[in-house]
Amino acid sequence: MSPIRVLRNLIATVLIVAAALLLVSAPATADGKDPWTKNQTVLPADLMKEMGNQKTAPTVVFVGFKRLYGAGHIKGAQYHGTTGTEEGIKEFKSWATTQAKNANIVIYCGCCPMEKCPNIRPAFKALQEMGFTKVRVLLLPTDFASDWADKGLPYDKGN
């Protein structure tokens, strides 16, 4: 094997190892840009289990568009404003001031793929800035229909 080929293979190996190390040391977030960690997320099946216990069930809040809430939302989920808008985040924060800072809150939107959602990040950041300590994001990578309703999980329609 020629010295140039050996050098190329060595460089390629170093780059692969460096990339792997970056992945391992990266924050535990969905896309590296999210303000939450993996521990601040919950999967649909796990949320369903939690909601089954009346004593410890989280407050579930839909932070997306009102029309989507009316079309279908998690049973028992509350709506307190579309947090991607100035008016909506104001309404959401107003509701949040009535909650205990250690309240178990799960927020979700599901309007579109999470990486494009205009609502979930502002809601999460607002609660963090307000000092809430038990806020989680429901992981709906595609949308509410695909990741919740189409899987047969319970939901309500209407306002």
N, C-alpha and C. Protein backbone atom coordinates (compact mmCIF):
# COMPACT_ATOMS: atom_id res chain seq x y z
N MET A 1 0.85 -1.16 0.00
CA MET A 1 0.00 0.00 0.00
C MET A 1 0.90 1.24 0.00
N SER A 2 0.55 2.21 -0.83
CA SER A 2 1.38 3.41 -0.95
C SER A 2 1.25 4.28 0.29
N PRO A 3 2.27 5.08 0.59
CA PRO A 3 2.22 5.96 1.76
C PRO A 3 1.05 6.95 1.70
N ILE A 4 0.70 7.39 0.51
CA ILE A 4 -0.43 8.33 0.37
C ILE A 4 -1.74 7.64 0.73
N ARG A 5 -1.89 6.42 0.27
CA ARG A 5 -3.11 5.67 0.59
C ARG A 5 -3.20 5.40 2.10
N VAL A 6 -2.08 5.07 2.73
CA VAL A 6 -2.04 4.85 4.17
C VAL A 6 -2.43 6.13 4.90
N LEU A 7 -1.91 7.25 4.45
CA LEU A 7 -2.23 8.55 5.06
C LEU A 7 -3.71 8.88 4.90
N ARG A 8 -4.26 8.64 3.73
CA ARG A 8 -5.69 8.89 3.49
C ARG A 8 -6.55 8.03 4.42
N ASN A 9 -6.18 6.75 4.54
CA ASN A 9 -6.93 5.85 5.43
C ASN A 9 -6.84 6.31 6.88
N LEU A 10 -5.67 6.76 7.28
CA LEU A 10 -5.48 7.25 8.64
C LEU A 10 -6.32 8.50 8.89
N ILE A 11 -6.32 9.42 7.95
CA ILE A 11 -7.13 10.64 8.08
C ILE A 11 -8.62 10.29 8.14
N ALA A 12 -9.05 9.39 7.29
CA ALA A 12 -10.45 8.96 7.29
C ALA A 12 -10.83 8.35 8.64
N THR A 13 -9.97 7.52 9.18
CA THR A 13 -10.22 6.90 10.49
C THR A 13 -10.30 7.95 11.59
N VAL A 14 -9.39 8.91 11.57
CA VAL A 14 -9.40 9.98 12.58
C VAL A 14 -10.69 10.79 12.49
N LEU A 15 -11.12 11.10 11.27
CA LEU A 15 -12.36 11.86 11.10
C LEU A 15 -13.57 11.08 11.60
N ILE A 16 -13.62 9.80 11.35
CA ILE A 16 -14.74 8.97 11.82
C ILE A 16 -14.75 8.92 13.35
N VAL A 17 -13.60 8.73 13.96
CA VAL A 17 -13.52 8.69 15.42
C VAL A 17 -13.91 10.04 16.01
N ALA A 18 -13.43 11.13 15.40
CA ALA A 18 -13.78 12.47 15.89
C ALA A 18 -15.28 12.71 15.80
N ALA A 19 -15.89 12.31 14.70
CA ALA A 19 -17.34 12.47 14.54
C ALA A 19 -18.09 11.66 15.59
N ALA A 20 -17.64 10.46 15.84
CA ALA A 20 -18.29 9.62 16.85
C ALA A 20 -18.18 10.24 18.24
N LEU A 21 -17.02 10.78 18.56
CA LEU A 21 -16.84 11.44 19.86
C LEU A 21 -17.74 12.66 19.99
N LEU A 22 -17.89 13.41 18.91
CA LEU A 22 -18.79 14.57 18.95
C LEU A 22 -20.23 14.14 19.20
N LEU A 23 -20.64 13.06 18.57
CA LEU A 23 -22.01 12.57 18.78
C LEU A 23 -22.23 12.12 20.21
N VAL A 24 -21.25 11.44 20.79
CA VAL A 24 -21.38 10.95 22.15
C VAL A 24 -21.41 12.10 23.15
N SER A 25 -20.64 13.16 22.90
CA SER A 25 -20.56 14.26 23.85
C SER A 25 -21.59 15.35 23.59
N ALA A 26 -22.37 15.24 22.53
CA ALA A 26 -23.37 16.26 22.21
C ALA A 26 -24.48 16.24 23.26
N PRO A 27 -25.16 17.37 23.45
CA PRO A 27 -26.26 17.39 24.41
C PRO A 27 -27.35 16.40 24.00
N ALA A 28 -28.06 15.88 25.00
CA ALA A 28 -29.11 14.90 24.74
C ALA A 28 -30.38 15.60 24.28
N THR A 29 -30.36 16.12 23.07
CA THR A 29 -31.52 16.79 22.51
C THR A 29 -31.88 16.15 21.19
N ALA A 30 -33.06 16.45 20.72
CA ALA A 30 -33.54 15.83 19.50
C ALA A 30 -32.70 16.21 18.28
N ASP A 31 -32.31 17.47 18.16
CA ASP A 31 -31.58 17.88 16.98
C ASP A 31 -30.40 18.80 17.30
N GLY A 32 -29.98 18.87 18.54
CA GLY A 32 -28.86 19.70 18.92
C GLY A 32 -29.23 21.16 19.12
N LYS A 33 -30.44 21.57 18.70
CA LYS A 33 -30.87 22.96 18.83
C LYS A 33 -31.99 23.11 19.84
N ASP A 34 -32.52 22.02 20.31
CA ASP A 34 -33.65 22.08 21.22
C ASP A 34 -33.21 22.51 22.61
N PRO A 35 -34.05 23.27 23.30
CA PRO A 35 -33.68 23.75 24.64
C PRO A 35 -33.86 22.70 25.73
N TRP A 36 -34.41 21.55 25.40
CA TRP A 36 -34.65 20.51 26.41
C TRP A 36 -33.63 19.38 26.25
N THR A 37 -33.47 18.64 27.34
CA THR A 37 -32.60 17.47 27.31
C THR A 37 -33.47 16.23 27.13
N LYS A 38 -32.85 15.11 26.96
CA LYS A 38 -33.59 13.85 26.82
C LYS A 38 -34.45 13.59 28.07
N ASN A 39 -33.94 13.93 29.23
CA ASN A 39 -34.70 13.74 30.48
C ASN A 39 -35.90 14.66 30.58
N GLN A 40 -35.97 15.65 29.73
CA GLN A 40 -37.09 16.59 29.74
C GLN A 40 -38.06 16.28 28.61
N THR A 41 -38.07 15.03 28.18
CA THR A 41 -39.00 14.58 27.15
C THR A 41 -39.76 13.36 27.65
N VAL A 42 -40.86 13.07 26.99
CA VAL A 42 -41.64 11.88 27.33
C VAL A 42 -42.22 11.31 26.04
N LEU A 43 -42.22 10.01 25.94
CA LEU A 43 -42.79 9.32 24.78
C LEU A 43 -44.29 9.12 24.99
N PRO A 44 -45.07 9.03 23.91
CA PRO A 44 -46.52 8.86 24.05
C PRO A 44 -46.93 7.70 24.97
N ALA A 45 -46.33 6.53 24.81
CA ALA A 45 -46.71 5.38 25.64
C ALA A 45 -46.44 5.64 27.12
N ASP A 46 -45.32 6.30 27.41
CA ASP A 46 -44.99 6.62 28.80
C ASP A 46 -45.94 7.66 29.38
N LEU A 47 -46.33 8.63 28.56
CA LEU A 47 -47.29 9.63 29.02
C LEU A 47 -48.63 8.96 29.33
N MET A 48 -49.04 8.03 28.51
CA MET A 48 -50.31 7.32 28.76
C MET A 48 -50.26 6.61 30.12
N LYS A 49 -49.15 5.99 30.44
CA LYS A 49 -49.01 5.32 31.74
C LYS A 49 -49.13 6.33 32.87
N GLU A 50 -48.45 7.45 32.74
CA GLU A 50 -48.49 8.48 33.78
C GLU A 50 -49.90 9.04 33.95
N MET A 51 -50.60 9.22 32.85
CA MET A 51 -51.94 9.79 32.91
C MET A 51 -52.93 8.84 33.58
N GLY A 52 -52.57 7.56 33.63
CA GLY A 52 -53.43 6.58 34.27
C GLY A 52 -53.44 6.66 35.79
N ASN A 53 -52.49 7.37 36.37
CA ASN A 53 -52.41 7.52 37.82
C ASN A 53 -52.92 8.91 38.21
N GLN A 54 -54.13 8.98 38.72
CA GLN A 54 -54.76 10.27 39.05
C GLN A 54 -53.94 11.11 40.02
N LYS A 55 -53.20 10.46 40.92
CA LYS A 55 -52.44 11.20 41.93
C LYS A 55 -51.20 11.89 41.36
N THR A 56 -50.58 11.28 40.36
CA THR A 56 -49.33 11.83 39.83
C THR A 56 -49.41 12.24 38.37
N ALA A 57 -50.61 12.21 37.80
CA ALA A 57 -50.76 12.56 36.38
C ALA A 57 -50.31 13.99 36.12
N PRO A 58 -49.57 14.20 35.05
CA PRO A 58 -49.12 15.55 34.73
C PRO A 58 -50.26 16.39 34.16
N THR A 59 -50.09 17.69 34.21
CA THR A 59 -50.97 18.60 33.50
C THR A 59 -50.46 18.63 32.07
N VAL A 60 -51.31 18.25 31.13
CA VAL A 60 -50.92 18.21 29.72
C VAL A 60 -51.48 19.45 29.04
N VAL A 61 -50.59 20.18 28.37
CA VAL A 61 -50.99 21.44 27.74
C VAL A 61 -50.64 21.42 26.26
N PHE A 62 -51.65 21.66 25.46
CA PHE A 62 -51.46 21.80 24.01
C PHE A 62 -51.07 23.24 23.73
N VAL A 63 -49.96 23.46 23.04
CA VAL A 63 -49.44 24.81 22.82
C VAL A 63 -49.51 25.22 21.34
N GLY A 64 -50.26 24.47 20.55
CA GLY A 64 -50.34 24.74 19.11
C GLY A 64 -51.53 25.60 18.73
N PHE A 65 -51.96 25.43 17.50
CA PHE A 65 -53.01 26.26 16.92
C PHE A 65 -54.39 25.82 17.41
N LYS A 66 -55.21 26.78 17.77
CA LYS A 66 -56.54 26.51 18.33
C LYS A 66 -57.36 25.59 17.42
N ARG A 67 -57.27 25.81 16.12
CA ARG A 67 -58.07 24.98 15.20
C ARG A 67 -57.62 23.53 15.25
N LEU A 68 -56.33 23.28 15.47
CA LEU A 68 -55.85 21.90 15.59
C LEU A 68 -56.29 21.28 16.91
N TYR A 69 -56.33 22.09 17.96
CA TYR A 69 -56.83 21.60 19.25
C TYR A 69 -58.27 21.12 19.08
N GLY A 70 -59.07 21.91 18.37
CA GLY A 70 -60.46 21.53 18.13
C GLY A 70 -60.59 20.28 17.29
N ALA A 71 -59.67 20.07 16.36
CA ALA A 71 -59.71 18.91 15.48
C ALA A 71 -59.34 17.62 16.21
N GLY A 72 -58.52 17.74 17.24
CA GLY A 72 -58.13 16.57 18.01
C GLY A 72 -56.99 16.88 18.95
N HIS A 73 -57.16 16.50 20.22
CA HIS A 73 -56.13 16.72 21.23
C HIS A 73 -56.16 15.59 22.25
N ILE A 74 -55.08 15.43 22.96
CA ILE A 74 -54.99 14.39 23.98
C ILE A 74 -56.11 14.58 24.99
N LYS A 75 -56.76 13.48 25.35
CA LYS A 75 -57.85 13.55 26.34
C LYS A 75 -57.37 14.26 27.60
N GLY A 76 -58.08 15.29 27.97
CA GLY A 76 -57.75 16.04 29.18
C GLY A 76 -56.75 17.16 28.98
N ALA A 77 -56.18 17.27 27.78
CA ALA A 77 -55.20 18.34 27.54
C ALA A 77 -55.89 19.70 27.58
N GLN A 78 -55.16 20.66 28.12
CA GLN A 78 -55.67 22.03 28.21
C GLN A 78 -55.08 22.86 27.07
N TYR A 79 -55.79 23.93 26.73
CA TYR A 79 -55.31 24.87 25.72
C TYR A 79 -55.21 26.24 26.37
N HIS A 80 -54.03 26.87 26.25
CA HIS A 80 -53.83 28.19 26.85
C HIS A 80 -53.05 29.11 25.91
N GLY A 81 -53.33 29.04 24.63
CA GLY A 81 -52.71 29.95 23.68
C GLY A 81 -51.73 29.26 22.74
N THR A 82 -51.67 29.78 21.53
CA THR A 82 -50.71 29.32 20.53
C THR A 82 -49.39 30.02 20.83
N THR A 83 -48.44 29.30 21.37
CA THR A 83 -47.23 29.93 21.91
C THR A 83 -46.24 30.42 20.86
N GLY A 84 -46.51 30.17 19.61
CA GLY A 84 -45.66 30.71 18.55
C GLY A 84 -46.04 32.13 18.16
N THR A 85 -47.09 32.67 18.79
CA THR A 85 -47.52 34.04 18.51
C THR A 85 -47.34 34.88 19.77
N GLU A 86 -47.21 36.18 19.57
CA GLU A 86 -47.03 37.08 20.71
C GLU A 86 -48.24 37.03 21.65
N GLU A 87 -49.42 37.07 21.08
CA GLU A 87 -50.64 37.02 21.89
C GLU A 87 -50.77 35.68 22.61
N GLY A 88 -50.45 34.60 21.90
CA GLY A 88 -50.56 33.27 22.47
C GLY A 88 -49.58 33.02 23.61
N ILE A 89 -48.34 33.48 23.45
CA ILE A 89 -47.36 33.26 24.52
C ILE A 89 -47.75 34.08 25.75
N LYS A 90 -48.34 35.23 25.52
CA LYS A 90 -48.81 36.07 26.63
C LYS A 90 -49.93 35.34 27.40
N GLU A 91 -50.87 34.75 26.66
CA GLU A 91 -51.96 33.98 27.28
C GLU A 91 -51.40 32.78 28.04
N PHE A 92 -50.44 32.09 27.43
CA PHE A 92 -49.81 30.92 28.04
C PHE A 92 -49.11 31.29 29.35
N LYS A 93 -48.34 32.37 29.32
CA LYS A 93 -47.62 32.81 30.51
C LYS A 93 -48.59 33.24 31.61
N SER A 94 -49.69 33.85 31.21
CA SER A 94 -50.70 34.25 32.19
C SER A 94 -51.25 33.02 32.90
N TRP A 95 -51.55 31.98 32.16
CA TRP A 95 -52.01 30.72 32.76
C TRP A 95 -50.92 30.15 33.68
N ALA A 96 -49.68 30.17 33.21
CA ALA A 96 -48.57 29.57 33.96
C ALA A 96 -48.39 30.24 35.33
N THR A 97 -48.70 31.53 35.44
CA THR A 97 -48.53 32.21 36.73
C THR A 97 -49.47 31.65 37.79
N THR A 98 -50.48 30.91 37.37
CA THR A 98 -51.43 30.33 38.33
C THR A 98 -51.01 28.93 38.78
N GLN A 99 -49.89 28.43 38.24
CA GLN A 99 -49.43 27.08 38.52
C GLN A 99 -48.25 27.10 39.49
N ALA A 100 -48.11 26.04 40.28
CA ALA A 100 -46.95 25.91 41.17
C ALA A 100 -45.70 25.68 40.33
N LYS A 101 -44.59 26.24 40.75
CA LYS A 101 -43.34 26.12 40.00
C LYS A 101 -42.84 24.68 39.91
N ASN A 102 -43.31 23.82 40.81
CA ASN A 102 -42.90 22.41 40.76
C ASN A 102 -44.01 21.52 40.17
N ALA A 103 -44.97 22.14 39.49
CA ALA A 103 -46.06 21.38 38.86
C ALA A 103 -45.47 20.48 37.78
N ASN A 104 -46.03 19.29 37.65
CA ASN A 104 -45.64 18.32 36.64
C ASN A 104 -46.39 18.68 35.35
N ILE A 105 -45.69 19.30 34.41
CA ILE A 105 -46.32 19.80 33.18
C ILE A 105 -45.70 19.14 31.97
N VAL A 106 -46.55 18.67 31.07
CA VAL A 106 -46.10 18.14 29.78
C VAL A 106 -46.74 19.00 28.71
N ILE A 107 -45.90 19.55 27.82
CA ILE A 107 -46.40 20.36 26.72
C ILE A 107 -46.23 19.62 25.41
N TYR A 108 -47.12 19.92 24.47
CA TYR A 108 -46.99 19.32 23.15
C TYR A 108 -47.70 20.20 22.13
N CYS A 109 -47.33 20.00 20.87
CA CYS A 109 -48.01 20.69 19.77
C CYS A 109 -48.47 19.65 18.75
N GLY A 110 -47.56 19.16 17.94
CA GLY A 110 -47.93 18.14 16.95
C GLY A 110 -48.50 18.70 15.67
N CYS A 111 -48.26 19.99 15.41
CA CYS A 111 -48.77 20.60 14.18
C CYS A 111 -48.01 20.12 12.95
N CYS A 112 -46.74 19.77 13.17
CA CYS A 112 -45.85 19.43 12.06
C CYS A 112 -44.65 18.69 12.66
N PRO A 113 -43.67 18.33 11.84
CA PRO A 113 -42.47 17.71 12.43
C PRO A 113 -41.86 18.62 13.49
N MET A 114 -41.43 18.03 14.60
CA MET A 114 -40.95 18.81 15.74
C MET A 114 -39.85 19.80 15.39
N GLU A 115 -38.96 19.41 14.48
CA GLU A 115 -37.85 20.33 14.18
C GLU A 115 -38.33 21.60 13.50
N LYS A 116 -39.56 21.61 12.97
CA LYS A 116 -40.10 22.80 12.31
C LYS A 116 -41.18 23.50 13.14
N CYS A 117 -41.55 22.95 14.25
CA CYS A 117 -42.67 23.47 15.04
C CYS A 117 -42.39 24.89 15.56
N PRO A 118 -43.30 25.83 15.29
CA PRO A 118 -43.12 27.20 15.77
C PRO A 118 -43.60 27.42 17.20
N ASN A 119 -44.17 26.40 17.82
CA ASN A 119 -44.83 26.58 19.12
C ASN A 119 -44.14 25.92 20.31
N ILE A 120 -43.56 24.76 20.13
CA ILE A 120 -43.08 23.97 21.26
C ILE A 120 -41.88 24.63 21.96
N ARG A 121 -40.94 25.16 21.22
CA ARG A 121 -39.75 25.77 21.83
C ARG A 121 -40.09 27.03 22.62
N PRO A 122 -40.90 27.96 22.06
CA PRO A 122 -41.25 29.14 22.86
C PRO A 122 -41.97 28.78 24.17
N ALA A 123 -42.83 27.76 24.13
CA ALA A 123 -43.54 27.35 25.34
C ALA A 123 -42.57 26.80 26.37
N PHE A 124 -41.67 25.92 25.93
CA PHE A 124 -40.70 25.32 26.85
C PHE A 124 -39.80 26.39 27.45
N LYS A 125 -39.28 27.26 26.61
CA LYS A 125 -38.38 28.33 27.09
C LYS A 125 -39.11 29.25 28.07
N ALA A 126 -40.36 29.57 27.79
CA ALA A 126 -41.12 30.46 28.68
C ALA A 126 -41.25 29.83 30.06
N LEU A 127 -41.60 28.56 30.12
CA LEU A 127 -41.74 27.89 31.42
C LEU A 127 -40.40 27.80 32.15
N GLN A 128 -39.35 27.54 31.42
CA GLN A 128 -38.01 27.50 32.03
C GLN A 128 -37.66 28.86 32.62
N GLU A 129 -37.86 29.90 31.84
CA GLU A 129 -37.54 31.26 32.29
C GLU A 129 -38.38 31.68 33.49
N MET A 130 -39.58 31.11 33.60
CA MET A 130 -40.46 31.43 34.72
C MET A 130 -40.12 30.61 35.96
N GLY A 131 -39.16 29.70 35.85
CA GLY A 131 -38.71 28.94 37.01
C GLY A 131 -39.38 27.60 37.24
N PHE A 132 -40.08 27.08 36.24
CA PHE A 132 -40.71 25.77 36.40
C PHE A 132 -39.64 24.69 36.35
N THR A 133 -39.78 23.69 37.22
CA THR A 133 -38.73 22.69 37.37
C THR A 133 -39.10 21.30 36.85
N LYS A 134 -40.38 21.07 36.55
CA LYS A 134 -40.81 19.74 36.09
C LYS A 134 -41.58 19.85 34.77
N VAL A 135 -40.95 20.44 33.78
CA VAL A 135 -41.57 20.60 32.47
C VAL A 135 -40.95 19.60 31.51
N ARG A 136 -41.82 18.92 30.77
CA ARG A 136 -41.35 17.99 29.75
C ARG A 136 -42.07 18.24 28.44
N VAL A 137 -41.46 17.78 27.38
CA VAL A 137 -42.01 17.89 26.03
C VAL A 137 -42.42 16.50 25.57
N LEU A 138 -43.65 16.39 25.08
CA LEU A 138 -44.10 15.13 24.49
C LEU A 138 -43.47 14.98 23.12
N LEU A 139 -42.79 13.88 22.89
CA LEU A 139 -42.13 13.65 21.61
C LEU A 139 -43.11 13.14 20.56
N LEU A 140 -43.44 14.02 19.65
CA LEU A 140 -44.27 13.70 18.49
C LEU A 140 -43.45 14.10 17.26
N PRO A 141 -42.52 13.24 16.83
CA PRO A 141 -41.58 13.63 15.79
C PRO A 141 -42.21 14.04 14.46
N THR A 142 -43.31 13.40 14.07
CA THR A 142 -43.94 13.70 12.77
C THR A 142 -45.06 14.70 12.93
N ASP A 143 -46.09 14.33 13.69
CA ASP A 143 -47.21 15.21 14.00
C ASP A 143 -48.17 14.44 14.91
N PHE A 144 -49.18 15.14 15.43
CA PHE A 144 -50.13 14.53 16.36
C PHE A 144 -50.88 13.37 15.72
N ALA A 145 -51.31 13.55 14.48
CA ALA A 145 -52.08 12.50 13.82
C ALA A 145 -51.25 11.21 13.69
N SER A 146 -50.04 11.33 13.18
CA SER A 146 -49.20 10.15 12.95
C SER A 146 -48.70 9.51 14.23
N ASP A 147 -48.29 10.34 15.18
CA ASP A 147 -47.60 9.83 16.37
C ASP A 147 -48.51 9.59 17.57
N TRP A 148 -49.78 9.98 17.47
CA TRP A 148 -50.71 9.76 18.57
C TRP A 148 -52.01 9.14 18.06
N ALA A 149 -52.79 9.90 17.31
CA ALA A 149 -54.12 9.45 16.89
C ALA A 149 -54.09 8.17 16.07
N ASP A 150 -53.21 8.12 15.06
CA ASP A 150 -53.14 6.94 14.20
C ASP A 150 -52.65 5.69 14.93
N LYS A 151 -52.06 5.87 16.10
CA LYS A 151 -51.59 4.73 16.90
C LYS A 151 -52.68 4.24 17.86
N GLY A 152 -53.86 4.84 17.76
CA GLY A 152 -54.98 4.40 18.58
C GLY A 152 -55.00 4.95 19.99
N LEU A 153 -54.15 5.95 20.26
CA LEU A 153 -54.14 6.56 21.60
C LEU A 153 -55.34 7.48 21.73
N PRO A 154 -55.91 7.59 22.94
CA PRO A 154 -57.16 8.33 23.10
C PRO A 154 -57.01 9.84 22.90
N TYR A 155 -58.01 10.40 22.23
CA TYR A 155 -58.02 11.84 22.03
C TYR A 155 -59.47 12.32 21.96
N ASP A 156 -59.61 13.60 22.22
CA ASP A 156 -60.91 14.27 22.16
C ASP A 156 -60.91 15.23 20.98
N LYS A 157 -62.13 15.59 20.57
CA LYS A 157 -62.30 16.63 19.54
C LYS A 157 -63.13 17.75 20.15
N GLY A 158 -62.97 18.92 19.59
CA GLY A 158 -63.74 20.08 20.06
C GLY A 158 -62.97 20.91 21.03
N ASN A 159 -63.54 22.03 21.37
CA ASN A 159 -62.86 22.98 22.27
C ASN A 159 -63.22 22.66 23.66
